């Protein structure tokens, strides 16, 4: 069954490049990203894993833990980690889950019914501290993921979780945000102070974070 926004992220225990991992316990009170790869020793995913390793300080700053997944065995993961460090210039610094029986892949519906049944689709799940799924993305094998966009969406998710706002098109951290329609003008003024009303349903305010 497909995982939808608002669902509880399924828990699992698996072997990773950093030892055995119970997913919910590992997440603790952090936000989380779980992202899958079709196979070890694949070119696009090699670049992605190197980029995520480079971005670890950005994820840490946002209290986000990242875990990758591939259906290959742990021995292949360790060998691939060497290639990633050699070609991308950054050592793997987050757990890469080994899922040779495809248990986690099936739990998260990562194997498309029309795809080769040994390959996961390239999925991304962003998970909040309450273990609910807040964002899902699916990419084809040929297109590398944009982790700057994933960081941007995490900034939006964290901002909107703590304030009664939404983020407009192409928003990035520090830009103006939109007051949610459910908040009255009077309550908005009390909460935010001055704001701009373009339409009754479209009201802008400075980033409250």
N, C-alpha and C. Protein backbone atom coordinates (compact mmCIF):
# COMPACT_ATOMS: atom_id res chain seq x y z
N UNK A 1 0.84 -1.19 0.00
CA UNK A 1 0.00 0.00 0.00
C UNK A 1 0.88 1.25 0.00
N UNK A 2 0.54 2.21 -0.85
CA UNK A 2 1.33 3.42 -0.94
C UNK A 2 1.27 4.21 0.36
N UNK A 3 2.38 4.83 0.69
CA UNK A 3 2.45 5.69 1.87
C UNK A 3 2.04 7.10 1.46
N UNK A 4 1.12 7.67 2.21
CA UNK A 4 0.60 8.99 1.87
C UNK A 4 1.03 10.00 2.94
N UNK A 5 0.93 11.27 2.56
CA UNK A 5 1.28 12.32 3.49
C UNK A 5 0.39 12.23 4.73
N UNK A 6 1.01 12.33 5.89
CA UNK A 6 0.28 12.22 7.15
C UNK A 6 0.31 10.83 7.75
N UNK A 7 0.66 9.82 6.94
CA UNK A 7 0.78 8.46 7.47
C UNK A 7 1.99 8.37 8.40
N UNK A 8 1.92 7.44 9.34
CA UNK A 8 3.09 7.15 10.16
C UNK A 8 4.11 6.38 9.34
N UNK A 9 5.35 6.84 9.33
CA UNK A 9 6.41 6.15 8.61
C UNK A 9 6.60 4.76 9.23
N UNK A 10 6.52 3.69 8.46
CA UNK A 10 6.68 2.36 9.03
C UNK A 10 8.05 2.19 9.70
N UNK A 11 8.03 1.54 10.84
CA UNK A 11 9.29 1.26 11.53
C UNK A 11 9.89 -0.04 10.99
N UNK A 12 11.20 -0.16 11.12
CA UNK A 12 11.89 -1.38 10.69
C UNK A 12 13.24 -1.43 11.39
N UNK A 13 13.82 -2.61 11.40
CA UNK A 13 15.19 -2.80 11.86
C UNK A 13 15.98 -3.40 10.70
N UNK A 14 17.16 -2.84 10.45
CA UNK A 14 17.94 -3.28 9.28
C UNK A 14 19.42 -3.12 9.55
N UNK A 15 20.21 -3.84 8.75
CA UNK A 15 21.67 -3.70 8.77
C UNK A 15 22.06 -2.51 7.91
N UNK A 16 22.99 -1.69 8.41
CA UNK A 16 23.47 -0.53 7.65
C UNK A 16 24.99 -0.48 7.71
N UNK A 17 25.55 0.43 6.95
CA UNK A 17 27.00 0.64 6.98
C UNK A 17 27.49 1.17 8.32
N UNK A 18 26.56 1.59 9.19
CA UNK A 18 26.92 2.04 10.54
C UNK A 18 26.36 1.11 11.61
N UNK A 19 26.08 -0.15 11.24
CA UNK A 19 25.58 -1.12 12.20
C UNK A 19 24.07 -1.28 12.11
N UNK A 20 23.51 -2.08 13.02
CA UNK A 20 22.07 -2.33 13.00
C UNK A 20 21.33 -1.06 13.41
N UNK A 21 20.20 -0.84 12.77
CA UNK A 21 19.45 0.40 12.98
C UNK A 21 17.97 0.08 13.14
N UNK A 22 17.39 0.53 14.27
CA UNK A 22 15.93 0.55 14.42
C UNK A 22 15.49 1.95 14.01
N UNK A 23 14.72 2.05 12.96
CA UNK A 23 14.48 3.34 12.31
C UNK A 23 13.89 4.38 13.26
N UNK A 24 12.82 4.03 13.96
CA UNK A 24 12.18 5.01 14.85
C UNK A 24 13.09 5.40 16.01
N UNK A 25 13.77 4.43 16.58
CA UNK A 25 14.70 4.75 17.68
C UNK A 25 15.84 5.63 17.18
N UNK A 26 16.34 5.33 15.99
CA UNK A 26 17.43 6.13 15.42
C UNK A 26 16.99 7.56 15.16
N UNK A 27 15.77 7.74 14.67
CA UNK A 27 15.27 9.09 14.42
C UNK A 27 15.14 9.87 15.72
N UNK A 28 14.64 9.23 16.77
CA UNK A 28 14.46 9.94 18.03
C UNK A 28 13.55 11.14 17.84
N UNK A 29 14.00 12.31 18.28
CA UNK A 29 13.22 13.55 18.16
C UNK A 29 13.62 14.37 16.94
N UNK A 30 14.36 13.77 16.03
CA UNK A 30 14.84 14.49 14.85
C UNK A 30 13.85 14.36 13.69
N UNK A 31 14.00 15.26 12.72
CA UNK A 31 13.42 15.05 11.42
C UNK A 31 14.26 13.99 10.70
N UNK A 32 13.68 13.39 9.67
CA UNK A 32 14.42 12.35 8.96
C UNK A 32 14.18 12.37 7.47
N UNK A 33 15.18 11.89 6.72
CA UNK A 33 15.05 11.65 5.29
C UNK A 33 15.45 10.20 5.03
N UNK A 34 14.59 9.46 4.36
CA UNK A 34 14.90 8.13 3.87
C UNK A 34 14.83 8.19 2.35
N UNK A 35 15.96 7.86 1.69
CA UNK A 35 15.94 7.92 0.22
C UNK A 35 16.57 6.66 -0.35
N UNK A 36 15.98 6.17 -1.45
CA UNK A 36 16.35 4.85 -1.97
C UNK A 36 17.10 4.95 -3.29
N UNK A 37 17.82 3.88 -3.60
CA UNK A 37 18.66 3.80 -4.78
C UNK A 37 18.39 2.48 -5.49
N UNK A 38 18.36 2.48 -6.83
CA UNK A 38 18.05 1.24 -7.55
C UNK A 38 19.08 0.13 -7.32
N UNK A 39 20.35 0.53 -7.17
CA UNK A 39 21.39 -0.51 -7.13
C UNK A 39 22.71 0.14 -6.74
N UNK A 40 23.57 -0.62 -6.07
CA UNK A 40 24.91 -0.14 -5.79
C UNK A 40 25.71 -0.03 -7.09
N UNK A 41 26.76 0.77 -7.02
CA UNK A 41 27.65 0.97 -8.17
C UNK A 41 26.87 1.50 -9.39
N UNK A 42 25.94 2.42 -9.15
CA UNK A 42 25.24 3.09 -10.24
C UNK A 42 25.70 4.55 -10.28
N UNK A 43 25.82 5.13 -11.47
CA UNK A 43 26.49 6.43 -11.58
C UNK A 43 25.75 7.59 -10.94
N UNK A 44 24.44 7.71 -11.22
CA UNK A 44 23.70 8.85 -10.69
C UNK A 44 23.67 8.81 -9.16
N UNK A 45 23.40 7.64 -8.62
CA UNK A 45 23.31 7.50 -7.17
C UNK A 45 24.66 7.74 -6.49
N UNK A 46 25.74 7.39 -7.16
CA UNK A 46 27.07 7.67 -6.60
C UNK A 46 27.24 9.17 -6.37
N UNK A 47 26.80 9.97 -7.34
CA UNK A 47 26.92 11.43 -7.17
C UNK A 47 25.99 11.93 -6.08
N UNK A 48 24.82 11.32 -5.96
CA UNK A 48 23.86 11.76 -4.94
C UNK A 48 24.37 11.48 -3.53
N UNK A 49 24.91 10.30 -3.33
CA UNK A 49 25.40 9.95 -1.99
C UNK A 49 26.57 10.85 -1.60
N UNK A 50 27.42 11.19 -2.56
CA UNK A 50 28.50 12.12 -2.27
C UNK A 50 27.98 13.49 -1.90
N UNK A 51 26.95 13.96 -2.59
CA UNK A 51 26.36 15.26 -2.29
C UNK A 51 25.72 15.29 -0.91
N UNK A 52 24.99 14.24 -0.56
CA UNK A 52 24.38 14.19 0.78
C UNK A 52 25.45 14.20 1.86
N UNK A 53 26.54 13.48 1.63
CA UNK A 53 27.65 13.50 2.60
C UNK A 53 28.21 14.91 2.74
N UNK A 54 28.36 15.63 1.64
CA UNK A 54 28.86 17.01 1.70
C UNK A 54 27.89 17.93 2.44
N UNK A 55 26.60 17.64 2.31
CA UNK A 55 25.58 18.51 2.91
C UNK A 55 25.26 18.16 4.35
N UNK A 56 25.95 17.19 4.93
CA UNK A 56 25.61 16.76 6.29
C UNK A 56 25.56 17.92 7.28
N UNK A 57 26.49 18.90 7.24
CA UNK A 57 26.36 20.03 8.18
C UNK A 57 25.05 20.79 8.03
N UNK A 58 24.53 20.89 6.80
CA UNK A 58 23.25 21.57 6.58
C UNK A 58 22.10 20.76 7.18
N UNK A 59 22.15 19.44 7.01
CA UNK A 59 21.12 18.60 7.62
C UNK A 59 21.22 18.66 9.14
N UNK A 60 22.42 18.61 9.67
CA UNK A 60 22.61 18.67 11.12
C UNK A 60 22.05 19.98 11.68
N UNK A 61 22.27 21.07 10.97
CA UNK A 61 21.81 22.38 11.43
C UNK A 61 20.29 22.43 11.52
N UNK A 62 19.62 21.64 10.71
CA UNK A 62 18.16 21.58 10.69
C UNK A 62 17.62 20.44 11.54
N UNK A 63 18.48 19.75 12.27
CA UNK A 63 18.08 18.60 13.10
C UNK A 63 17.44 17.51 12.24
N UNK A 64 18.11 17.20 11.11
CA UNK A 64 17.63 16.19 10.17
C UNK A 64 18.65 15.05 10.09
N UNK A 65 18.17 13.82 10.26
CA UNK A 65 18.99 12.64 10.06
C UNK A 65 18.65 12.04 8.70
N UNK A 66 19.67 11.57 7.99
CA UNK A 66 19.49 11.04 6.64
C UNK A 66 19.94 9.59 6.59
N UNK A 67 19.16 8.75 5.93
CA UNK A 67 19.54 7.36 5.70
C UNK A 67 19.25 7.01 4.25
N UNK A 68 20.20 6.36 3.59
CA UNK A 68 19.99 5.85 2.24
C UNK A 68 19.62 4.37 2.29
N UNK A 69 19.15 3.85 1.17
CA UNK A 69 18.76 2.44 1.10
C UNK A 69 19.02 1.92 -0.30
N UNK A 70 19.54 0.67 -0.36
CA UNK A 70 19.64 -0.06 -1.62
C UNK A 70 19.37 -1.53 -1.31
N UNK A 71 18.86 -2.26 -2.31
CA UNK A 71 18.53 -3.66 -2.08
C UNK A 71 19.74 -4.58 -2.19
N UNK A 72 20.92 -4.02 -2.38
CA UNK A 72 22.11 -4.85 -2.42
C UNK A 72 22.60 -5.17 -1.01
N UNK A 73 23.45 -6.21 -0.85
CA UNK A 73 23.90 -6.62 0.48
C UNK A 73 24.93 -5.66 1.05
N UNK A 74 25.16 -5.80 2.36
CA UNK A 74 26.02 -4.86 3.08
C UNK A 74 27.45 -4.89 2.55
N UNK A 75 27.94 -6.05 2.10
CA UNK A 75 29.30 -6.13 1.57
C UNK A 75 29.46 -5.22 0.36
N UNK A 76 28.45 -5.18 -0.50
CA UNK A 76 28.49 -4.30 -1.66
C UNK A 76 28.45 -2.83 -1.22
N UNK A 77 27.68 -2.54 -0.19
CA UNK A 77 27.61 -1.17 0.31
C UNK A 77 28.98 -0.67 0.74
N UNK A 78 29.71 -1.50 1.46
CA UNK A 78 31.04 -1.08 1.94
C UNK A 78 31.99 -0.86 0.76
N UNK A 79 31.90 -1.72 -0.25
CA UNK A 79 32.73 -1.52 -1.43
C UNK A 79 32.35 -0.25 -2.18
N UNK A 80 31.06 0.00 -2.30
CA UNK A 80 30.57 1.19 -2.99
C UNK A 80 30.98 2.45 -2.25
N UNK A 81 30.98 2.38 -0.91
CA UNK A 81 31.39 3.55 -0.12
C UNK A 81 32.80 3.99 -0.48
N UNK A 82 33.68 3.02 -0.77
CA UNK A 82 35.03 3.38 -1.19
C UNK A 82 35.04 4.12 -2.52
N UNK A 83 34.20 3.67 -3.45
CA UNK A 83 34.09 4.37 -4.74
C UNK A 83 33.53 5.77 -4.57
N UNK A 84 32.56 5.92 -3.68
CA UNK A 84 31.96 7.23 -3.45
C UNK A 84 33.01 8.21 -2.93
N UNK A 85 33.80 7.76 -1.96
CA UNK A 85 34.83 8.64 -1.41
C UNK A 85 35.87 8.98 -2.48
N UNK A 86 36.24 7.99 -3.28
CA UNK A 86 37.26 8.22 -4.31
C UNK A 86 36.77 9.18 -5.39
N UNK A 87 35.54 9.00 -5.87
CA UNK A 87 35.07 9.78 -7.01
C UNK A 87 34.41 11.09 -6.62
N UNK A 88 33.84 11.17 -5.43
CA UNK A 88 33.11 12.37 -5.03
C UNK A 88 33.87 13.22 -4.02
N UNK A 89 34.96 12.66 -3.48
CA UNK A 89 35.79 13.44 -2.57
C UNK A 89 35.23 13.59 -1.17
N UNK A 90 34.21 12.81 -0.84
CA UNK A 90 33.58 12.87 0.49
C UNK A 90 33.24 11.46 0.93
N UNK A 91 33.65 11.12 2.14
CA UNK A 91 33.35 9.80 2.67
C UNK A 91 31.88 9.72 3.11
N UNK A 92 31.31 8.55 2.99
CA UNK A 92 29.94 8.31 3.44
C UNK A 92 29.88 8.55 4.95
N UNK A 93 29.01 9.44 5.40
CA UNK A 93 28.95 9.80 6.82
C UNK A 93 27.54 9.68 7.38
N UNK A 94 26.73 8.84 6.75
CA UNK A 94 25.38 8.55 7.21
C UNK A 94 25.09 7.09 6.87
N UNK A 95 24.12 6.46 7.52
CA UNK A 95 23.89 5.04 7.28
C UNK A 95 23.29 4.75 5.91
N UNK A 96 23.82 3.72 5.27
CA UNK A 96 23.28 3.20 4.02
C UNK A 96 22.72 1.81 4.34
N UNK A 97 21.41 1.68 4.19
CA UNK A 97 20.70 0.47 4.61
C UNK A 97 20.84 -0.61 3.55
N UNK A 98 21.16 -1.83 3.99
CA UNK A 98 21.19 -3.00 3.12
C UNK A 98 19.83 -3.70 3.22
N UNK A 99 19.20 -3.90 2.07
CA UNK A 99 17.84 -4.47 2.05
C UNK A 99 17.74 -5.58 1.00
N UNK A 100 18.60 -6.60 1.10
CA UNK A 100 18.64 -7.62 0.05
C UNK A 100 17.35 -8.42 -0.09
N UNK A 101 16.57 -8.53 0.97
CA UNK A 101 15.28 -9.23 0.88
C UNK A 101 14.14 -8.30 0.49
N UNK A 102 14.47 -7.03 0.27
CA UNK A 102 13.50 -6.02 -0.17
C UNK A 102 12.38 -5.79 0.85
N UNK A 103 12.67 -6.05 2.10
CA UNK A 103 11.64 -5.89 3.13
C UNK A 103 11.28 -4.42 3.34
N UNK A 104 12.29 -3.57 3.46
CA UNK A 104 12.02 -2.15 3.65
C UNK A 104 11.46 -1.55 2.37
N UNK A 105 12.01 -1.95 1.22
CA UNK A 105 11.53 -1.45 -0.06
C UNK A 105 10.04 -1.74 -0.25
N UNK A 106 9.61 -2.94 0.12
CA UNK A 106 8.20 -3.28 0.00
C UNK A 106 7.36 -2.56 1.05
N UNK A 107 7.92 -2.39 2.25
CA UNK A 107 7.21 -1.69 3.32
C UNK A 107 6.90 -0.26 2.92
N UNK A 108 7.81 0.37 2.18
CA UNK A 108 7.64 1.76 1.75
C UNK A 108 7.19 1.87 0.29
N UNK A 109 6.79 0.76 -0.30
CA UNK A 109 6.27 0.75 -1.67
C UNK A 109 7.26 1.39 -2.64
N UNK A 110 8.53 1.00 -2.52
CA UNK A 110 9.59 1.58 -3.35
C UNK A 110 9.79 0.83 -4.67
N UNK A 111 9.14 -0.30 -4.84
CA UNK A 111 9.32 -1.08 -6.07
C UNK A 111 8.07 -0.96 -6.90
N UNK A 112 8.19 -0.29 -8.03
CA UNK A 112 7.03 -0.05 -8.88
C UNK A 112 6.62 -1.35 -9.56
N UNK A 113 5.32 -1.53 -9.69
CA UNK A 113 4.81 -2.79 -10.25
C UNK A 113 5.29 -3.05 -11.68
N UNK A 114 5.66 -1.98 -12.42
CA UNK A 114 6.11 -2.15 -13.80
C UNK A 114 7.63 -2.13 -13.92
N UNK A 115 8.31 -2.01 -12.78
CA UNK A 115 9.76 -1.94 -12.81
C UNK A 115 10.37 -3.32 -12.62
N UNK A 116 11.65 -3.42 -12.93
CA UNK A 116 12.39 -4.63 -12.61
C UNK A 116 12.25 -4.89 -11.12
N UNK A 117 11.82 -6.09 -10.74
CA UNK A 117 11.48 -6.33 -9.34
C UNK A 117 12.67 -6.40 -8.41
N UNK A 118 13.87 -6.27 -8.93
CA UNK A 118 15.03 -6.22 -8.05
C UNK A 118 15.46 -4.78 -7.76
N UNK A 119 14.80 -3.82 -8.38
CA UNK A 119 15.25 -2.44 -8.26
C UNK A 119 14.22 -1.57 -7.56
N UNK A 120 14.66 -0.79 -6.58
CA UNK A 120 13.78 0.20 -5.99
C UNK A 120 13.68 1.39 -6.92
N UNK A 121 12.54 2.04 -6.91
CA UNK A 121 12.48 3.35 -7.55
C UNK A 121 13.21 4.33 -6.64
N UNK A 122 13.54 5.51 -7.17
CA UNK A 122 14.36 6.45 -6.40
C UNK A 122 13.43 7.39 -5.64
N UNK A 123 13.08 6.94 -4.43
CA UNK A 123 12.10 7.63 -3.60
C UNK A 123 12.77 8.47 -2.53
N UNK A 124 12.05 9.52 -2.09
CA UNK A 124 12.47 10.34 -0.97
C UNK A 124 11.29 10.47 -0.02
N UNK A 125 11.52 10.22 1.26
CA UNK A 125 10.51 10.42 2.30
C UNK A 125 11.09 11.38 3.33
N UNK A 126 10.38 12.48 3.59
CA UNK A 126 10.75 13.38 4.68
C UNK A 126 9.79 13.12 5.83
N UNK A 127 10.35 12.90 7.00
CA UNK A 127 9.59 12.43 8.15
C UNK A 127 9.78 13.39 9.31
N UNK A 128 8.69 13.80 9.94
CA UNK A 128 8.72 14.74 11.06
C UNK A 128 9.07 14.02 12.36
N UNK A 129 9.40 14.77 13.41
CA UNK A 129 9.74 14.13 14.70
C UNK A 129 8.62 13.25 15.27
N UNK A 130 7.37 13.51 14.89
CA UNK A 130 6.28 12.65 15.37
C UNK A 130 6.12 11.39 14.52
N UNK A 131 7.07 11.17 13.60
CA UNK A 131 7.15 9.99 12.72
C UNK A 131 6.12 9.99 11.61
N UNK A 132 5.47 11.12 11.35
CA UNK A 132 4.55 11.19 10.22
C UNK A 132 5.30 11.63 8.96
N UNK A 133 4.83 11.14 7.83
CA UNK A 133 5.45 11.48 6.54
C UNK A 133 4.93 12.83 6.08
N UNK A 134 5.85 13.76 5.82
CA UNK A 134 5.48 15.12 5.44
C UNK A 134 5.72 15.42 3.97
N UNK A 135 6.56 14.62 3.30
CA UNK A 135 6.87 14.86 1.90
C UNK A 135 7.29 13.56 1.26
N UNK A 136 6.81 13.31 0.03
CA UNK A 136 7.29 12.17 -0.75
C UNK A 136 7.64 12.66 -2.15
N UNK A 137 8.72 12.14 -2.69
CA UNK A 137 9.17 12.45 -4.05
C UNK A 137 9.62 11.15 -4.70
N UNK A 138 9.37 11.03 -6.00
CA UNK A 138 9.83 9.86 -6.74
C UNK A 138 10.49 10.33 -8.03
N UNK A 139 11.70 9.85 -8.26
CA UNK A 139 12.48 10.25 -9.42
C UNK A 139 12.75 9.04 -10.32
N UNK A 140 12.89 9.27 -11.62
CA UNK A 140 13.33 8.19 -12.51
C UNK A 140 14.82 7.94 -12.32
N UNK A 141 15.28 6.79 -12.76
CA UNK A 141 16.67 6.41 -12.57
C UNK A 141 17.64 7.36 -13.25
N UNK A 142 17.19 8.04 -14.30
CA UNK A 142 18.11 8.85 -15.10
C UNK A 142 18.29 10.28 -14.59
N UNK A 143 17.49 10.69 -13.61
CA UNK A 143 17.51 12.08 -13.16
C UNK A 143 17.99 12.18 -11.73
N UNK A 144 19.12 12.87 -11.54
CA UNK A 144 19.65 13.06 -10.20
C UNK A 144 18.77 13.97 -9.36
N UNK A 145 18.65 13.64 -8.09
CA UNK A 145 17.83 14.44 -7.19
C UNK A 145 18.50 15.78 -6.88
N UNK A 146 17.69 16.79 -6.63
CA UNK A 146 18.17 18.12 -6.27
C UNK A 146 18.06 18.28 -4.76
N UNK A 147 19.15 18.09 -4.05
CA UNK A 147 19.09 18.13 -2.59
C UNK A 147 19.01 19.56 -2.06
N UNK A 148 19.32 20.55 -2.87
CA UNK A 148 19.04 21.92 -2.46
C UNK A 148 17.54 22.15 -2.37
N UNK A 149 16.79 21.56 -3.29
CA UNK A 149 15.34 21.65 -3.24
C UNK A 149 14.80 20.90 -2.02
N UNK A 150 15.40 19.75 -1.71
CA UNK A 150 14.95 19.00 -0.53
C UNK A 150 15.23 19.80 0.74
N UNK A 151 16.38 20.47 0.83
CA UNK A 151 16.65 21.35 1.96
C UNK A 151 15.64 22.49 2.03
N UNK A 152 15.29 23.05 0.87
CA UNK A 152 14.31 24.14 0.83
C UNK A 152 12.96 23.68 1.37
N UNK A 153 12.53 22.49 0.97
CA UNK A 153 11.24 22.00 1.44
C UNK A 153 11.27 21.71 2.94
N UNK A 154 12.41 21.25 3.44
CA UNK A 154 12.52 21.03 4.89
C UNK A 154 12.42 22.36 5.62
N UNK A 155 13.07 23.41 5.10
CA UNK A 155 12.94 24.73 5.71
C UNK A 155 11.47 25.15 5.75
N UNK A 156 10.75 24.91 4.66
CA UNK A 156 9.33 25.26 4.62
C UNK A 156 8.53 24.43 5.62
N UNK A 157 8.77 23.14 5.64
CA UNK A 157 8.03 22.26 6.55
C UNK A 157 8.27 22.64 8.01
N UNK A 158 9.50 22.95 8.35
CA UNK A 158 9.81 23.30 9.73
C UNK A 158 9.21 24.66 10.10
N UNK A 159 9.24 25.60 9.16
CA UNK A 159 8.64 26.92 9.42
C UNK A 159 7.13 26.81 9.59
N UNK A 160 6.48 26.12 8.66
CA UNK A 160 5.02 26.06 8.70
C UNK A 160 4.50 25.16 9.83
N UNK A 161 5.34 24.28 10.34
CA UNK A 161 4.94 23.47 11.49
C UNK A 161 4.86 24.30 12.76
N UNK A 162 5.62 25.40 12.82
CA UNK A 162 5.70 26.20 14.04
C UNK A 162 4.95 27.52 13.98
N UNK A 163 4.48 27.92 12.79
CA UNK A 163 3.78 29.19 12.63
C UNK A 163 2.58 28.98 11.71
N UNK A 164 1.59 29.83 11.81
CA UNK A 164 0.38 29.69 11.00
C UNK A 164 0.58 30.38 9.65
N UNK A 165 1.53 29.84 8.89
CA UNK A 165 1.88 30.40 7.59
C UNK A 165 2.07 29.27 6.59
N UNK A 166 2.06 29.66 5.30
CA UNK A 166 2.42 28.78 4.20
C UNK A 166 3.48 29.50 3.38
N UNK A 167 4.20 28.75 2.55
CA UNK A 167 5.26 29.37 1.76
C UNK A 167 4.84 29.44 0.29
N UNK A 168 5.02 30.60 -0.36
CA UNK A 168 4.59 30.77 -1.74
C UNK A 168 5.54 30.13 -2.74
N UNK A 169 5.20 30.26 -4.00
CA UNK A 169 6.00 29.70 -5.08
C UNK A 169 7.45 30.19 -4.99
N UNK A 170 8.37 29.27 -5.21
CA UNK A 170 9.81 29.57 -5.26
C UNK A 170 10.35 30.16 -3.96
N UNK A 171 9.61 29.99 -2.87
CA UNK A 171 10.04 30.52 -1.58
C UNK A 171 11.38 29.92 -1.16
N UNK A 172 12.19 30.74 -0.51
CA UNK A 172 13.38 30.23 0.16
C UNK A 172 13.51 30.93 1.50
N UNK A 173 14.30 30.35 2.38
CA UNK A 173 14.42 30.84 3.74
C UNK A 173 14.72 32.33 3.77
N UNK A 174 13.92 33.08 4.54
CA UNK A 174 14.09 34.52 4.65
C UNK A 174 13.11 35.32 3.82
N UNK A 175 12.49 34.70 2.80
CA UNK A 175 11.50 35.39 1.98
C UNK A 175 10.20 35.57 2.76
N UNK A 176 9.35 36.46 2.26
CA UNK A 176 8.03 36.64 2.85
C UNK A 176 7.21 35.36 2.74
N UNK A 177 6.28 35.21 3.64
CA UNK A 177 5.42 34.02 3.66
C UNK A 177 3.96 34.47 3.62
N UNK A 178 3.07 33.50 3.49
CA UNK A 178 1.64 33.75 3.37
C UNK A 178 0.95 33.35 4.68
N UNK A 179 0.10 34.21 5.18
CA UNK A 179 -0.71 33.88 6.36
C UNK A 179 -1.81 32.91 5.94
N UNK A 180 -2.00 31.84 6.70
CA UNK A 180 -3.00 30.84 6.32
C UNK A 180 -4.40 31.44 6.38
N UNK A 181 -5.29 31.06 5.45
CA UNK A 181 -6.63 31.64 5.41
C UNK A 181 -7.45 31.43 6.67
N UNK A 182 -7.15 30.38 7.42
CA UNK A 182 -7.93 30.10 8.63
C UNK A 182 -7.69 31.10 9.75
N UNK A 183 -6.67 31.93 9.64
CA UNK A 183 -6.35 32.92 10.65
C UNK A 183 -7.02 34.25 10.27
N UNK A 184 -7.85 34.79 11.16
CA UNK A 184 -8.55 36.04 10.87
C UNK A 184 -7.57 37.20 10.82
N UNK A 185 -8.01 38.32 10.22
CA UNK A 185 -7.17 39.52 10.18
C UNK A 185 -6.80 39.97 11.58
N UNK A 186 -7.77 39.95 12.47
CA UNK A 186 -7.51 40.40 13.85
C UNK A 186 -6.48 39.51 14.52
N UNK A 187 -6.63 38.21 14.37
CA UNK A 187 -5.68 37.28 14.99
C UNK A 187 -4.31 37.39 14.31
N UNK A 188 -4.31 37.61 12.98
CA UNK A 188 -3.05 37.77 12.28
C UNK A 188 -2.30 39.01 12.76
N UNK A 189 -3.03 40.10 12.98
CA UNK A 189 -2.38 41.33 13.45
C UNK A 189 -1.82 41.13 14.85
N UNK A 190 -2.57 40.42 15.70
CA UNK A 190 -2.09 40.15 17.05
C UNK A 190 -0.85 39.24 17.02
N UNK A 191 -0.84 38.30 16.10
CA UNK A 191 0.25 37.32 16.05
C UNK A 191 1.48 37.87 15.36
N UNK A 192 1.27 38.57 14.23
CA UNK A 192 2.39 38.98 13.39
C UNK A 192 2.66 40.48 13.36
N UNK A 193 1.71 41.28 13.80
CA UNK A 193 1.84 42.72 13.63
C UNK A 193 1.39 43.12 12.23
N UNK A 194 2.16 43.96 11.55
CA UNK A 194 1.78 44.44 10.23
C UNK A 194 1.92 43.33 9.19
N UNK A 195 1.00 43.33 8.22
CA UNK A 195 1.08 42.42 7.09
C UNK A 195 0.43 43.07 5.89
N UNK A 196 0.70 42.55 4.69
CA UNK A 196 0.16 43.10 3.46
C UNK A 196 -0.99 42.23 2.96
N UNK A 197 -2.13 42.86 2.70
CA UNK A 197 -3.28 42.15 2.15
C UNK A 197 -3.37 42.45 0.66
N UNK A 198 -3.16 41.45 -0.19
CA UNK A 198 -3.31 41.57 -1.63
C UNK A 198 -4.75 41.24 -2.02
N UNK A 199 -5.25 40.16 -1.48
CA UNK A 199 -6.64 39.74 -1.55
C UNK A 199 -6.99 39.23 -0.15
N UNK A 200 -8.29 39.15 0.18
CA UNK A 200 -8.62 38.65 1.51
C UNK A 200 -8.00 37.30 1.84
N UNK A 201 -7.78 36.50 0.79
CA UNK A 201 -7.21 35.17 1.00
C UNK A 201 -5.69 35.13 0.76
N UNK A 202 -5.11 36.26 0.36
CA UNK A 202 -3.67 36.31 0.04
C UNK A 202 -3.04 37.45 0.84
N UNK A 203 -2.44 37.08 1.97
CA UNK A 203 -1.85 38.07 2.88
C UNK A 203 -0.39 37.68 3.14
N UNK A 204 0.50 38.64 2.92
CA UNK A 204 1.93 38.39 3.07
C UNK A 204 2.43 38.98 4.38
N UNK A 205 3.40 38.27 4.98
CA UNK A 205 4.05 38.76 6.18
C UNK A 205 5.52 38.35 6.12
N UNK A 206 6.37 39.09 6.80
CA UNK A 206 7.80 38.73 6.84
C UNK A 206 7.97 37.39 7.53
N UNK A 207 9.01 36.70 7.15
CA UNK A 207 9.34 35.39 7.73
C UNK A 207 9.35 35.50 9.26
N UNK A 208 8.45 34.81 9.97
CA UNK A 208 8.37 34.97 11.42
C UNK A 208 9.43 34.21 12.20
N UNK A 209 10.24 33.44 11.50
CA UNK A 209 11.30 32.71 12.21
C UNK A 209 12.47 33.64 12.43
